[in-house]
Amino acid sequence: MLNQPKISIITVVYNGAGLIERTIKSVLAQTYPNIEYIIIDGASSDGTLAIIEKYQAKIALTHSGRDNGIYDAMNRGLKDATGDYVLFMNAGDELFSNDTIERVFKTAENADVYYGNTAVVNDIGDMLGDRRLSPPEKLNWKSLRYGMCVSHQSFIAKRLLCSYYDLNYKISADIDWVIKVLRQSDNIVNTHLYISKFLEGGTSNTRRKKALLERFSIMVKQYGFFQTVISHLIILFRYPFHRLTKKSMT
């Protein structure tokens, strides 16, 4: 591979002592040589920093301090990043295999965005299947009208196209951010690869309701009220039950 762009992989963590090591090991095991690894810690008090310290020599930058939530921490990571591309892999997330980044950049050169599939795993790493929403064959900013069809952890974007996360959103700023990146992107490459493993986690009903309200607000801002209502009606018709689709990951 002649072109080896620099990629900044950013991990945000707060009191994630039980999760952070799997993420660090996944990033540091990559065969791709040009990775800048950044960890943003929200002043953890549970032993997270001690785990990070074990790998400090191989981490480009670690910052620990109080923040105003996950998206504020992500913005700090974006501010510190110097790579040509950025990828967020938060505590508990993993890259799908040791050669994932190398394989991604072999699919095309100088893309604005590379995207792919996401495997869902449990807390011991067993594969549970794909996310309910699969990435489309061709992705653009309108593709997210029906939901987060591409996982944040399987979305690699050119850093110069990345704005900061909107801190008005506390739960769903990632979908707003992805749409804004895609609006500015011309060359969007489907790698047809599994890029990440996403750790399945429970969500409280209160948080789920807040997330849905935020997403509706984001959709209205991005697509307009009428189109958002139509899209939600279509979603209710297509997906009456939120079930995980089992499929091969070979």
Protein backbone atom coordinates (compact mmCIF):
# COMPACT_ATOMS: atom_id res chain seq x y z
CA MET A 1 0.00 0.00 0.00
CA LEU A 2 1.67 3.19 -1.21
CA ASN A 3 -0.55 5.59 0.68
CA GLN A 4 -0.57 5.19 4.47
CA PRO A 5 -2.59 8.10 5.83
CA LYS A 6 -2.37 8.83 9.52
CA ILE A 7 -5.46 7.87 11.50
CA SER A 8 -6.28 9.21 14.94
CA ILE A 9 -8.20 6.65 16.97
CA ILE A 10 -9.87 8.33 19.93
CA THR A 11 -11.12 6.50 23.02
CA VAL A 12 -13.34 8.30 25.52
CA VAL A 13 -13.74 6.67 28.93
CA TYR A 14 -15.09 7.41 32.39
CA ASN A 15 -14.82 4.81 35.16
CA GLY A 16 -14.40 2.05 32.62
CA ALA A 17 -11.88 -0.16 34.40
CA GLY A 18 -13.77 -3.28 33.34
CA LEU A 19 -13.84 -2.26 29.67
CA ILE A 20 -10.90 -0.06 28.75
CA GLU A 21 -8.21 -2.74 28.45
CA ARG A 22 -9.99 -4.68 25.71
CA THR A 23 -10.24 -1.48 23.67
CA ILE A 24 -6.61 -0.51 24.20
CA LYS A 25 -5.37 -3.97 23.26
CA SER A 26 -7.51 -3.95 20.13
CA VAL A 27 -6.06 -0.65 18.93
CA LEU A 28 -2.45 -1.44 19.83
CA ALA A 29 -2.64 -4.82 18.09
CA GLN A 30 -3.35 -3.22 14.71
CA THR A 31 -0.92 -4.13 11.93
CA TYR A 32 -1.35 -0.71 10.34
CA PRO A 33 1.72 1.40 11.18
CA ASN A 34 0.43 4.98 11.11
CA ILE A 35 -1.95 5.23 14.06
CA GLU A 36 -2.16 8.05 16.59
CA TYR A 37 -3.95 6.70 19.66
CA ILE A 38 -5.59 9.24 21.96
CA ILE A 39 -7.42 8.48 25.22
CA ILE A 40 -9.64 11.07 26.86
CA ASP A 41 -10.53 10.15 30.45
CA GLY A 42 -13.18 11.99 32.46
CA ALA A 43 -11.26 11.94 35.75
CA SER A 44 -11.98 8.28 36.52
CA SER A 45 -11.70 7.07 40.10
CA ASP A 46 -12.11 3.30 39.65
CA GLY A 47 -8.66 2.20 38.49
CA THR A 48 -9.08 3.12 34.82
CA LEU A 49 -6.02 5.38 34.87
CA ALA A 50 -3.83 2.61 36.30
CA ILE A 51 -4.79 0.37 33.39
CA ILE A 52 -4.07 3.12 30.86
CA GLU A 53 -0.70 3.74 32.49
CA LYS A 54 0.38 0.16 31.68
CA TYR A 55 0.22 1.02 27.97
CA GLN A 56 1.24 4.66 28.15
CA ALA A 57 4.42 4.21 26.11
CA LYS A 58 2.34 3.16 23.09
CA ILE A 59 -0.36 5.82 23.46
CA ALA A 60 0.25 9.12 21.69
CA LEU A 61 -1.72 11.25 24.15
CA THR A 62 -3.72 10.73 27.34
CA HIS A 63 -5.77 13.48 28.91
CA SER A 64 -7.61 13.10 32.20
CA GLY A 65 -9.89 15.72 33.66
CA ARG A 66 -13.48 16.61 34.33
CA ASP A 67 -15.67 17.26 31.31
CA ASN A 68 -19.26 18.10 30.48
CA GLY A 69 -20.23 14.68 29.19
CA ILE A 70 -19.20 12.23 26.51
CA TYR A 71 -19.50 14.63 23.58
CA ASP A 72 -17.46 17.29 25.33
CA ALA A 73 -14.77 14.62 25.80
CA MET A 74 -15.03 13.65 22.13
CA ASN A 75 -14.56 17.28 21.15
CA ARG A 76 -11.39 17.34 23.24
CA GLY A 77 -10.20 14.30 21.31
CA LEU A 78 -10.93 15.98 17.98
CA LYS A 79 -9.07 19.09 19.13
CA ASP A 80 -5.99 17.02 20.01
CA ALA A 81 -6.07 14.80 16.91
CA THR A 82 -3.53 15.38 14.15
CA GLY A 83 -4.38 12.45 11.86
CA ASP A 84 -5.70 12.61 8.31
CA TYR A 85 -8.65 10.52 9.52
CA VAL A 86 -10.44 9.99 12.82
CA LEU A 87 -12.23 7.01 14.34
CA PHE A 88 -13.92 6.85 17.75
CA MET A 89 -13.55 3.60 19.67
CA ASN A 90 -14.90 4.16 23.16
CA ALA A 91 -14.35 1.94 26.19
CA GLY A 92 -15.69 -1.54 25.47
CA ASP A 93 -15.50 -1.16 21.68
CA GLU A 94 -12.99 -3.14 19.65
CA LEU A 95 -11.73 -3.24 16.10
CA PHE A 96 -12.98 -6.35 14.37
CA SER A 97 -9.55 -7.88 13.69
CA ASN A 98 -5.88 -6.99 14.05
CA ASP A 99 -5.63 -5.94 10.40
CA THR A 100 -8.88 -3.97 10.22
CA ILE A 101 -7.37 -0.51 9.65
CA GLU A 102 -4.87 -1.89 7.13
CA ARG A 103 -7.68 -3.56 5.18
CA VAL A 104 -9.87 -0.45 5.30
CA PHE A 105 -7.25 1.76 3.67
CA LYS A 106 -6.59 -0.86 1.00
CA THR A 107 -10.17 -0.55 -0.28
CA ALA A 108 -9.60 2.93 -1.73
CA GLU A 109 -7.28 5.91 -1.50
CA ASN A 110 -8.15 9.38 -0.30
CA ALA A 111 -11.81 8.76 0.50
CA ASP A 112 -13.69 11.35 2.51
CA VAL A 113 -15.38 8.58 4.51
CA TYR A 114 -14.82 4.85 4.89
CA TYR A 115 -17.63 2.83 6.46
CA GLY A 116 -18.53 -0.78 7.09
CA ASN A 117 -20.40 -3.30 9.21
CA THR A 118 -20.53 -3.67 12.99
CA ALA A 119 -20.69 -6.88 14.98
CA VAL A 120 -22.52 -6.90 18.31
CA VAL A 121 -20.79 -8.85 21.11
CA ASN A 122 -21.53 -9.63 24.74
CA ASP A 123 -19.28 -8.88 27.70
CA ILE A 124 -17.14 -12.00 27.13
CA GLY A 125 -16.68 -11.27 23.43
CA ASP A 126 -19.16 -13.77 21.96
CA MET A 127 -20.69 -12.67 18.66
CA LEU A 128 -24.42 -11.98 18.92
CA GLY A 129 -25.04 -10.82 15.35
CA ASP A 130 -25.21 -7.55 13.45
CA ARG A 131 -26.77 -4.30 14.51
CA ARG A 132 -30.47 -4.12 13.69
CA LEU A 133 -29.82 -1.46 11.05
CA SER A 134 -27.26 -2.47 8.42
CA PRO A 135 -25.22 0.04 6.43
CA PRO A 136 -26.59 0.71 2.95
CA GLU A 137 -24.66 -0.21 -0.17
CA LYS A 138 -24.30 3.50 -0.91
CA LEU A 139 -24.24 5.88 2.03
CA ASN A 140 -25.01 9.59 1.94
CA TRP A 141 -26.39 12.18 4.34
CA LYS A 142 -29.97 11.29 3.47
CA SER A 143 -29.44 7.63 4.41
CA LEU A 144 -29.90 8.39 8.11
CA ARG A 145 -33.51 9.55 7.69
CA TYR A 146 -34.59 6.11 8.92
CA GLY A 147 -32.12 5.78 11.78
CA MET A 148 -28.44 5.33 12.55
CA CYS A 149 -27.78 2.91 9.67
CA VAL A 150 -24.01 3.10 10.12
CA SER A 151 -22.36 2.63 13.50
CA HIS A 152 -20.27 5.46 14.89
CA GLN A 153 -17.53 2.88 15.57
CA SER A 154 -17.48 1.79 11.92
CA PHE A 155 -17.30 5.28 10.44
CA ILE A 156 -13.85 6.64 9.56
CA ALA A 157 -13.91 10.27 8.43
CA LYS A 158 -11.38 12.70 7.04
CA ARG A 159 -10.50 14.92 9.99
CA LEU A 160 -10.78 18.19 8.07
CA LEU A 161 -14.46 17.40 7.39
CA CYS A 162 -15.24 16.83 11.07
CA SER A 163 -16.93 19.59 13.03
CA TYR A 164 -17.28 19.42 16.80
CA TYR A 165 -20.19 17.59 18.40
CA ASP A 166 -23.19 19.75 19.27
CA LEU A 167 -23.28 19.83 23.06
CA ASN A 168 -26.96 20.73 23.03
CA TYR A 169 -27.51 17.00 22.51
CA LYS A 170 -26.58 14.81 25.48
CA ILE A 171 -27.32 11.33 24.08
CA SER A 172 -27.64 11.43 20.28
CA ALA A 173 -25.12 14.01 19.09
CA ASP A 174 -23.33 11.24 17.19
CA ILE A 175 -26.11 10.95 14.58
CA ASP A 176 -26.09 14.72 14.10
CA TRP A 177 -22.30 14.64 13.71
CA VAL A 178 -22.35 11.81 11.16
CA ILE A 179 -24.97 13.57 9.05
CA LYS A 180 -22.93 16.79 9.07
CA VAL A 181 -19.78 14.91 7.98
CA LEU A 182 -21.67 13.14 5.20
CA ARG A 183 -23.14 16.43 3.94
CA GLN A 184 -19.57 17.60 3.24
CA SER A 185 -18.34 14.32 1.76
CA ASP A 186 -18.16 13.43 -1.94
CA ASN A 187 -16.12 10.23 -1.93
CA ILE A 188 -17.84 7.85 0.50
CA VAL A 189 -16.48 4.30 0.36
CA ASN A 190 -18.29 1.17 1.48
CA THR A 191 -15.44 -1.09 2.56
CA HIS A 192 -17.74 -4.16 2.77
CA LEU A 193 -15.74 -5.05 5.88
CA TYR A 194 -16.62 -5.56 9.51
CA ILE A 195 -14.80 -2.64 11.12
CA SER A 196 -15.80 -2.81 14.77
CA LYS A 197 -17.25 -4.89 17.56
CA PHE A 198 -19.85 -3.08 19.64
CA LEU A 199 -20.47 -4.19 23.21
CA GLU A 200 -24.16 -4.77 23.79
CA GLY A 201 -25.44 -2.86 26.81
CA GLY A 202 -28.76 -2.26 28.47
CA THR A 203 -30.46 1.12 28.18
CA SER A 204 -32.92 2.44 30.75
CA ASN A 205 -36.40 3.39 29.55
CA THR A 206 -35.80 6.99 30.66
CA ARG A 207 -32.60 7.27 28.67
CA ARG A 208 -34.19 5.57 25.65
CA LYS A 209 -37.03 8.09 25.64
CA LYS A 210 -34.58 10.99 25.88
CA ALA A 211 -32.55 9.53 23.01
CA LEU A 212 -35.64 9.21 20.81
CA LEU A 213 -36.67 12.79 21.53
CA GLU A 214 -33.19 14.05 20.71
CA ARG A 215 -33.06 12.05 17.51
CA PHE A 216 -36.44 13.38 16.42
CA SER A 217 -35.17 16.93 17.04
CA ILE A 218 -32.02 16.20 15.04
CA MET A 219 -34.00 14.71 12.16
CA VAL A 220 -36.27 17.75 12.03
CA LYS A 221 -33.23 20.03 11.92
CA GLN A 222 -31.53 18.02 9.19
CA TYR A 223 -34.47 16.87 7.05
CA GLY A 224 -37.48 19.01 7.97
CA PHE A 225 -40.56 18.23 10.03
CA PHE A 226 -42.73 16.68 7.31
CA GLN A 227 -40.00 14.35 6.02
CA THR A 228 -39.16 13.33 9.60
CA VAL A 229 -42.75 12.38 10.38
CA ILE A 230 -42.99 10.34 7.16
CA SER A 231 -39.69 8.60 7.93
CA HIS A 232 -40.83 7.66 11.44
CA LEU A 233 -44.08 6.22 10.11
CA ILE A 234 -42.08 4.10 7.69
CA ILE A 235 -39.79 2.96 10.52
CA LEU A 236 -42.79 1.89 12.62
CA PHE A 237 -44.15 -0.09 9.68
CA ARG A 238 -40.85 -1.76 8.79
CA TYR A 239 -39.53 -2.47 12.29
CA PRO A 240 -42.41 -3.29 14.65
CA PHE A 241 -40.01 -5.29 16.81
CA HIS A 242 -36.39 -4.42 17.61
CA ARG A 243 -34.67 -7.72 16.98
CA LEU A 244 -31.06 -8.58 16.31
CA THR A 245 -30.49 -10.24 12.94
CA LYS A 246 -28.15 -13.21 13.12
CA LYS A 247 -25.83 -13.56 10.17
CA SER A 248 -22.42 -14.90 9.24
CA MET A 249 -19.41 -12.72 10.06
CA THR A 250 -16.81 -14.52 8.03
